[in-house]
Protein backbone atom coordinates (compact mmCIF):
# COMPACT_ATOMS: atom_id res chain seq x y z
CA MET A 1 -22.59 71.27 -56.24
CA GLU A 2 -22.63 74.72 -56.50
CA CYS A 3 -20.44 77.15 -58.03
CA ALA A 4 -19.99 80.04 -56.08
CA GLY A 5 -20.65 81.99 -59.69
CA GLU A 6 -24.60 81.07 -59.17
CA LYS A 7 -24.85 81.74 -55.23
CA GLU A 8 -24.16 85.40 -56.23
CA GLY A 9 -25.99 84.79 -59.08
CA VAL A 10 -28.83 83.89 -56.55
CA MET A 11 -27.23 86.12 -53.96
CA GLN A 12 -27.50 89.73 -56.94
CA ALA A 13 -31.58 88.55 -57.50
CA VAL A 14 -32.52 88.23 -53.41
CA GLY A 15 -30.93 91.68 -52.89
CA MET A 16 -32.98 92.91 -55.80
CA GLN A 17 -36.18 91.55 -55.06
CA ASN A 18 -35.35 93.15 -51.44
CA GLY A 19 -34.97 96.24 -53.02
CA LEU A 20 -37.75 96.62 -54.89
CA ILE A 21 -39.82 95.86 -52.49
CA ALA A 22 -38.14 98.43 -50.03
CA VAL A 23 -39.54 100.86 -52.24
CA MET A 24 -42.96 99.60 -53.69
CA VAL A 25 -44.55 99.41 -50.19
CA GLU A 26 -45.38 102.74 -49.83
CA SER A 27 -46.45 102.78 -45.42
CA TRP A 28 -44.89 99.13 -42.76
CA SER A 29 -46.65 98.75 -39.84
CA PHE A 30 -44.00 96.42 -37.82
CA ASP A 31 -41.54 97.93 -35.09
CA LEU A 32 -38.65 97.25 -36.96
CA LEU A 33 -36.39 100.70 -38.87
CA PRO A 34 -38.34 100.35 -42.47
CA PRO A 35 -37.14 98.86 -44.96
CA ASN A 36 -36.94 101.26 -47.53
CA VAL A 37 -34.41 102.96 -44.89
CA ARG A 38 -32.50 100.08 -43.41
CA LEU A 39 -32.53 96.71 -46.23
CA ASP A 40 -31.48 93.78 -43.46
CA SER A 41 -35.73 94.58 -41.55
CA ILE A 42 -37.18 92.43 -44.53
CA GLU A 43 -35.20 89.71 -43.23
CA GLU A 44 -36.94 89.50 -40.40
CA LEU A 45 -40.01 89.78 -41.49
CA THR A 46 -42.46 86.02 -41.45
CA PRO A 47 -41.91 83.92 -44.64
CA LEU A 48 -45.36 84.04 -45.24
CA ASP A 49 -45.41 87.43 -45.34
CA TYR A 50 -41.86 88.34 -47.06
CA GLU A 51 -43.28 85.58 -49.58
CA LYS A 52 -46.86 87.81 -50.27
CA LEU A 53 -44.73 90.81 -50.01
CA LEU A 54 -43.02 88.76 -54.06
CA GLU A 55 -45.66 87.75 -55.28
CA GLU A 56 -46.54 91.67 -54.77
CA SER A 57 -43.39 92.35 -56.57
CA LEU A 58 -43.74 90.06 -59.12
CA PRO A 59 -45.58 91.85 -61.88
CA ALA A 60 -43.30 95.29 -60.75
CA GLN A 61 -40.18 93.29 -61.46
CA THR A 62 -41.18 91.30 -65.05
CA ALA A 63 -42.04 94.79 -66.38
CA LEU A 64 -38.69 96.30 -65.25
CA PHE A 65 -36.22 92.50 -65.85
CA PRO A 66 -38.62 91.42 -68.84
CA SER A 67 -35.56 89.12 -69.44
CA LEU A 68 -34.97 87.58 -66.18
CA VAL A 69 -38.83 86.49 -66.22
CA VAL A 70 -38.08 82.51 -68.25
CA ASN A 71 -41.36 81.64 -70.95
CA GLU A 72 -42.11 79.95 -73.46
CA THR A 73 -41.18 82.56 -75.62
CA ASN A 74 -37.53 83.79 -74.19
CA VAL A 75 -36.99 80.01 -73.72
CA ASN A 76 -33.67 78.79 -75.22
CA ASP A 77 -33.93 76.58 -78.77
CA PRO A 78 -32.27 72.91 -77.24
CA LYS A 79 -30.59 73.25 -80.75
CA ALA A 80 -29.15 76.72 -81.22
CA SER A 81 -25.95 78.22 -79.24
CA THR A 82 -26.96 81.29 -78.79
CA ALA A 83 -29.58 83.34 -76.66
CA ASN A 84 -32.64 83.67 -78.15
CA PHE A 85 -33.27 86.73 -79.75
CA ASN A 86 -36.84 86.25 -80.98
CA ALA A 87 -38.38 87.22 -77.74
C-alpha cells in the first residue's frame, strides 16, 4: 500500500526531471508548444522519446542533486540508525 507522502515524493521527482529536461533541450522538433514554454508538453511525448530524454538528463541530474543518486558510497549502513554522511 502506497502512502500519500510516497506518492507526493514520486510526483516531485517526476516534476524535477521534467523541469530539468525542459531547460536542457536546446530546440524541439514537434508540433506542440515546447516544454520550456508549457511543461505539460512533455507528457505528450512517446514513451521511447521520454525515456531517451531521461537518460540524457541523468548526468546533469547527478551533478545538480548528488544526494538523490543511490550508489555504493551513499547507501545507508543497515547497522546505523542515521544516514551515511561520509558520501
